[in-house]
Protein backbone atom coordinates (compact mmCIF):
# COMPACT_ATOMS: atom_id res chain seq x y z
CA UNK A 1 -107.76 121.31 196.96
CA UNK A 2 -110.78 119.50 197.50
CA UNK A 3 -113.79 121.61 196.25
CA UNK A 4 -117.51 121.34 198.47
CA UNK A 5 -120.45 119.42 196.77
CA UNK A 6 -123.44 120.71 195.85
CA UNK A 7 -125.09 118.90 198.77
CA UNK A 8 -123.05 120.23 201.58
CA UNK A 9 -123.24 124.38 199.60
CA UNK A 10 -127.43 124.00 200.21
CA UNK A 11 -126.75 123.12 203.93
CA UNK A 12 -124.53 126.00 204.08
CA UNK A 13 -126.58 128.35 202.41
CA UNK A 14 -129.49 126.78 204.64
CA UNK A 15 -127.49 127.51 207.75
CA UNK A 16 -126.34 131.18 206.80
CA UNK A 17 -130.30 131.88 205.87
CA UNK A 18 -131.02 130.61 209.13
CA UNK A 19 -128.53 132.54 211.08
CA UNK A 20 -129.94 135.83 209.61
CA UNK A 21 -133.58 134.94 210.54
CA UNK A 22 -133.07 133.73 213.81
CA UNK A 23 -129.30 135.70 214.84
CA UNK A 24 -128.31 132.79 216.45
CA UNK A 25 -126.21 129.11 216.28
CA UNK A 26 -122.62 128.72 215.38
CA UNK A 27 -119.87 131.10 215.67
CA UNK A 28 -117.85 133.48 213.41
CA UNK A 29 -115.62 130.76 212.43
CA UNK A 30 -118.90 128.75 211.63
CA UNK A 31 -120.32 131.75 209.85
CA UNK A 32 -116.86 132.08 207.44
CA UNK A 33 -116.82 128.50 206.93
CA UNK A 34 -120.47 128.17 205.54
CA UNK A 35 -119.75 131.60 203.59
CA UNK A 36 -116.48 129.67 201.76
CA UNK A 37 -118.48 126.50 201.27
CA UNK A 38 -121.81 128.07 199.99
CA UNK A 39 -119.61 129.89 197.65
CA UNK A 40 -118.02 126.79 196.18
CA UNK A 41 -114.55 127.54 197.14
CA UNK A 42 -111.97 124.66 197.62
CA UNK A 43 -110.92 123.96 201.03
CA UNK A 44 -107.26 123.48 202.26
CA UNK A 45 -106.87 120.04 203.76
CA UNK A 46 -106.02 122.04 207.23
CA UNK A 47 -110.03 123.07 206.80
CA UNK A 48 -110.92 119.79 206.48
CA UNK A 49 -109.00 117.98 209.06
CA UNK A 50 -110.90 120.79 211.07
CA UNK A 51 -114.28 120.03 209.50
CA UNK A 52 -113.80 116.46 210.61
CA UNK A 53 -112.87 117.60 214.37
CA UNK A 54 -115.66 119.70 214.44
CA UNK A 55 -118.22 117.19 213.67
CA UNK A 56 -116.41 114.61 216.16
CA UNK A 57 -117.24 116.96 218.60
CA UNK A 58 -120.53 118.03 218.18
CA UNK A 59 -122.04 114.76 216.98
CA UNK A 60 -124.09 115.28 220.88
CA UNK A 61 -126.16 117.93 219.30
CA UNK A 62 -127.69 116.03 216.86
CA UNK A 63 -129.58 114.26 220.38
CA UNK A 64 -130.92 117.38 221.54
CA UNK A 65 -134.36 118.74 221.28
CA UNK A 66 -135.19 120.77 218.07
CA UNK A 67 -132.31 119.52 216.06
CA UNK A 68 -135.45 117.81 213.52
CA UNK A 69 -138.08 119.27 212.51
CA UNK A 70 -141.39 119.14 214.52
CA UNK A 71 -139.47 118.77 217.60
CA UNK A 72 -139.38 121.91 219.80
CA UNK A 73 -137.20 125.13 218.80
CA UNK A 74 -136.56 123.43 215.59
CA UNK A 75 -134.12 124.98 214.20
CA UNK A 76 -131.99 124.01 217.38
CA UNK A 77 -128.88 126.63 217.69
CA UNK A 78 -127.38 123.18 217.32
CA UNK A 79 -128.90 122.41 214.11
CA UNK A 80 -127.81 125.94 212.83
CA UNK A 81 -124.20 125.40 213.65
CA UNK A 82 -124.42 122.07 211.49
CA UNK A 83 -125.63 123.22 208.61
CA UNK A 84 -123.14 125.98 209.02
CA UNK A 85 -120.28 123.40 208.70
CA UNK A 86 -122.22 121.67 205.58
CA UNK A 87 -124.46 119.28 207.51
CA UNK A 88 -124.62 115.79 207.07
CA UNK A 89 -123.12 116.06 203.51
CA UNK A 90 -120.10 118.39 204.63
CA UNK A 91 -119.91 115.75 207.73
CA UNK A 92 -119.38 112.85 204.88
CA UNK A 93 -117.42 114.78 202.50
CA UNK A 94 -114.95 115.70 204.88
CA UNK A 95 -114.21 112.33 206.53
CA UNK A 96 -114.08 111.12 202.78
CA UNK A 97 -111.61 113.97 201.96
CA UNK A 98 -109.56 113.13 205.22
CA UNK A 99 -109.09 109.31 204.51
CA UNK A 100 -108.50 109.78 200.76
CA UNK A 101 -105.35 112.52 202.04
CA UNK A 102 -104.23 109.71 204.68
CA UNK A 103 -104.18 107.16 201.47
CA UNK A 104 -102.23 109.74 199.46
CA UNK A 105 -99.70 110.05 202.33
CA UNK A 106 -99.33 106.75 202.91
CA UNK A 107 -98.65 105.88 199.00
CA UNK A 108 -95.89 108.89 199.09
CA UNK A 109 -94.86 106.75 202.06
CA UNK A 110 -94.59 103.69 201.06
CA UNK A 111 -92.73 104.80 197.36
CA UNK A 112 -89.89 105.56 199.32
CA UNK A 113 -90.04 102.90 201.81
CA UNK A 114 -86.70 100.89 202.00
CA UNK A 115 -86.52 96.87 203.22
CA UNK A 116 -83.76 95.91 205.18
CA UNK A 117 -82.79 92.20 205.68
CA UNK A 118 -80.59 89.94 208.05
CA UNK A 119 -79.40 86.63 208.76
CA UNK A 120 -80.29 86.42 212.17
CA UNK A 121 -82.32 83.21 212.77
CA UNK A 122 -85.45 83.55 214.10
CA UNK A 123 -86.47 81.38 217.44
CA UNK A 124 -89.79 79.36 217.09
CA UNK A 125 -91.46 77.59 220.00
CA UNK A 126 -94.36 75.87 220.29
CA UNK A 127 -95.89 75.02 223.48
CA UNK A 128 -98.68 72.00 224.52
CA UNK A 129 -101.42 74.21 222.96
CA UNK A 130 -101.97 76.30 219.89
CA UNK A 131 -99.71 79.35 220.80
CA UNK A 132 -96.61 79.64 218.62
CA UNK A 133 -93.95 81.85 220.10
CA UNK A 134 -91.56 83.59 217.21
CA UNK A 135 -88.88 85.96 218.68
CA UNK A 136 -85.68 87.43 217.51
CA UNK A 137 -83.88 90.71 215.81
CA UNK A 138 -85.37 92.85 212.88
CA UNK A 139 -82.18 94.60 213.11
CA UNK A 140 -78.63 94.68 214.18
CA UNK A 141 -77.27 97.86 215.25
CA UNK A 142 -73.26 98.92 213.93
CA UNK A 143 -73.24 96.32 211.34
CA UNK A 144 -71.87 97.65 207.96
CA UNK A 145 -73.64 96.13 204.65
CA UNK A 146 -73.01 96.83 201.29
CA UNK A 147 -76.33 97.68 199.64
CA UNK A 148 -76.08 96.67 196.00
CA UNK A 149 -72.23 97.70 195.53
CA UNK A 150 -73.54 101.65 195.33
CA UNK A 151 -73.08 102.17 199.42
CA UNK A 152 -72.65 101.04 202.59
CA UNK A 153 -74.84 101.33 205.24
CA UNK A 154 -74.99 101.11 208.95
CA UNK A 155 -77.81 101.12 211.65
CA UNK A 156 -77.02 103.40 214.29
CA UNK A 157 -77.35 102.54 217.86
CA UNK A 158 -81.00 104.72 218.87
CA UNK A 159 -82.56 104.68 215.06
CA UNK A 160 -85.65 103.11 216.20
CA UNK A 161 -85.90 105.03 219.82
CA UNK A 162 -88.35 107.94 218.15
CA UNK A 163 -90.59 104.99 215.93
CA UNK A 164 -90.55 103.34 219.17
CA UNK A 165 -91.99 106.09 221.17
CA UNK A 166 -94.33 107.47 218.94
CA UNK A 167 -95.83 104.28 218.59
CA UNK A 168 -95.66 103.80 215.14
CA UNK A 169 -98.32 101.13 214.26
CA UNK A 170 -95.92 98.58 213.22
CA UNK A 171 -97.08 94.97 211.62
CA UNK A 172 -95.20 91.40 211.44
CA UNK A 173 -95.75 89.96 207.56
CA UNK A 174 -94.26 87.07 205.29
CA UNK A 175 -91.84 88.77 202.97
CA UNK A 176 -93.55 91.97 203.79
CA UNK A 177 -96.68 90.84 202.05
CA UNK A 178 -100.09 89.90 202.66
CA UNK A 179 -102.11 90.22 205.71
CA UNK A 180 -100.68 90.68 209.38
CA UNK A 181 -99.81 87.85 211.39
CA UNK A 182 -99.33 90.68 214.56
CA UNK A 183 -99.09 94.24 214.93
CA UNK A 184 -98.16 96.69 217.74
CA UNK A 185 -101.49 98.67 217.89
CA UNK A 186 -103.50 95.50 218.68
CA UNK A 187 -100.53 94.36 221.37
CA UNK A 188 -99.75 91.03 219.68
CA UNK A 189 -96.62 92.37 218.17
CA UNK A 190 -93.63 93.39 220.73
CA UNK A 191 -90.96 95.79 219.88
CA UNK A 192 -88.12 96.79 221.99
CA UNK A 193 -84.61 98.65 221.24
CA UNK A 194 -81.58 96.90 222.88
CA UNK A 195 -77.66 97.14 222.94
CA UNK A 196 -77.35 95.24 220.36
CA UNK A 197 -80.65 96.27 217.97
CA UNK A 198 -84.45 95.57 217.26
CA UNK A 199 -85.73 92.82 219.08
CA UNK A 200 -89.31 91.43 218.04
CA UNK A 201 -91.46 88.91 219.73
CA UNK A 202 -95.21 87.44 219.12
CA UNK A 203 -97.40 84.74 220.24
CA UNK A 204 -99.12 83.72 216.92
CA UNK A 205 -102.21 81.94 216.77
CA UNK A 206 -101.87 78.11 216.02
CA UNK A 207 -105.57 77.89 214.74
CA UNK A 208 -104.94 80.67 212.41
CA UNK A 209 -104.89 79.15 208.83
CA UNK A 210 -102.31 81.56 207.64
CA UNK A 211 -100.29 80.74 210.66
CA UNK A 212 -100.41 76.87 209.90
CA UNK A 213 -99.67 77.22 206.47
CA UNK A 214 -96.28 78.85 207.49
CA UNK A 215 -95.08 77.05 210.42
CA UNK A 216 -93.86 73.92 209.12
CA UNK A 217 -91.57 76.75 206.73
CA UNK A 218 -90.57 77.99 209.67
CA UNK A 219 -89.34 74.74 211.73
CA UNK A 220 -87.48 73.69 208.38
CA UNK A 221 -85.65 76.94 208.06
CA UNK A 222 -87.21 78.00 205.00
CA UNK A 223 -88.55 80.88 206.80
CA UNK A 224 -86.40 81.76 209.44
CA UNK A 225 -84.75 85.41 209.19
CA UNK A 226 -85.63 88.72 209.95
CA UNK A 227 -86.36 91.97 207.77
CA UNK A 228 -87.84 95.36 208.71
CA UNK A 229 -89.44 98.20 206.08
CA UNK A 230 -88.68 101.73 206.63
CA UNK A 231 -88.26 105.20 206.07
CA UNK A 232 -85.00 107.36 206.61
CA UNK A 233 -85.59 109.99 209.03
CA UNK A 234 -82.18 111.21 209.42
CA UNK A 235 -79.42 109.87 208.25
CA UNK A 236 -75.19 110.75 207.89
CA UNK A 237 -73.09 110.26 204.64
CA UNK A 238 -69.32 109.73 204.10
CA UNK A 239 -67.28 110.17 201.45
CA UNK A 240 -64.24 109.64 202.23
CA UNK A 241 -63.80 105.98 201.55
CA UNK A 242 -64.02 104.18 198.45
CA UNK A 243 -67.75 104.38 198.18
CA UNK A 244 -70.38 106.50 200.34
CA UNK A 245 -71.30 105.30 203.25
CA UNK A 246 -74.89 105.66 205.13
CA UNK A 247 -75.92 105.71 208.83
CA UNK A 248 -79.10 105.79 209.32
CA UNK A 249 -79.76 107.75 212.83
CA UNK A 250 -83.79 107.87 212.76
CA UNK A 251 -86.63 106.23 210.79
CA UNK A 252 -90.14 105.66 210.47
CA UNK A 253 -90.97 102.21 210.80
CA UNK A 254 -93.19 100.08 208.84
CA UNK A 255 -93.22 96.46 209.16
CA UNK A 256 -90.96 93.76 210.44
CA UNK A 257 -90.97 90.48 208.07
CA UNK A 258 -89.97 86.88 208.24
CA UNK A 259 -88.62 86.51 205.38
CA UNK A 260 -86.99 83.55 203.03
CA UNK A 261 -83.74 84.99 201.42
CA UNK A 262 -81.84 87.56 203.96
CA UNK A 263 -80.78 89.77 201.29
CA UNK A 264 -80.90 93.71 201.03
CA UNK A 265 -83.56 95.13 199.39
CA UNK A 266 -84.89 98.49 197.92
CA UNK A 267 -81.79 99.50 196.23
CA UNK A 268 -83.16 101.52 193.82
CA UNK A 269 -84.86 103.71 196.63
CA UNK A 270 -81.39 103.49 198.18
CA UNK A 271 -79.88 104.82 194.72
CA UNK A 272 -82.08 107.50 194.77
CA UNK A 273 -81.57 108.16 198.22
CA UNK A 274 -77.74 108.45 197.37
CA UNK A 275 -78.26 110.70 194.37
CA UNK A 276 -80.28 113.33 196.90
CA UNK A 277 -77.30 113.20 199.22
CA UNK A 278 -74.95 113.97 196.01
CA UNK A 279 -77.16 116.44 194.82
CA UNK A 280 -77.21 118.21 198.03
CA UNK A 281 -73.47 117.97 198.41
CA UNK A 282 -72.86 119.85 195.23
CA UNK A 283 -75.31 122.48 195.92
CA UNK A 284 -73.44 123.39 199.02
CA UNK A 285 -70.15 123.00 197.58
CA UNK A 286 -70.93 125.42 195.26
CA UNK A 287 -72.73 128.04 197.55
CA UNK A 288 -69.48 127.64 199.39
CA UNK A 289 -67.35 128.63 196.57
CA UNK A 290 -69.43 131.93 195.97
CA UNK A 291 -68.94 132.88 199.58
CA UNK A 292 -65.51 132.21 199.33
CA UNK A 293 -65.18 134.42 196.02
CA UNK A 294 -67.38 137.26 197.47
CA UNK A 295 -64.67 137.36 200.52
CA UNK A 296 -61.83 137.55 198.34
CA UNK A 297 -63.48 140.29 196.34
CA UNK A 298 -64.04 142.55 199.11
């Protein structure tokens, strides 16, 4: 857990001194927070996020009379409360901690990310202007595919429903790499789920140098297949066949990409998923045997 720095500890002590002297400013929560900060206690990430939220809500207090030295009423109630939470130093620290934590979480997600490509051709159209329209299926439901010979995999119908309803920010890339050519957050990439699979469409800016560099390859067919990157959220395994079968029922969608080679990727991560399933199945079987043994001994 992150530790408050000296600047915010000093500011929190100032807030406590003001609170003691004037008997106003801040709440019991703010006083408790100031004590933790001034004592240099490690703060949980939930506390850090509350700090981020507090400073964002109370930024307006800095515009009020009495917030700055020399103004009438200094220190104002808002200035005292601001100090209790660590002041400007606390705000900068909390924002940085929150940003770093988001980066760590994203790194963890990326380490579990799998990519899947399908041999579904893209449709590429260019009008008389600069706009280049690209559309096609990034994933198709119900098609069983071998993952490195370790297991087969099927994307279940509805697997993208939650990702699209959550409005996951999905980017459109080339070979899952580089700067995004489009993204859902900006409205330049549109993703829909229909009976067949995950359909994507975008209108690329033909004046963009990155787009101009790939358009000839797209038209020649060097880049004309689709892929998507994801982290599974809910899945089922079937061990009744010669090799295990994995059905992806829900996922977190990271990107869709136009790719050079329509091959299934991420087999090392897929192997970890298979090993985790087998470990869980072994544990479940052992627990079942223990329960049965207990019944027999009764």
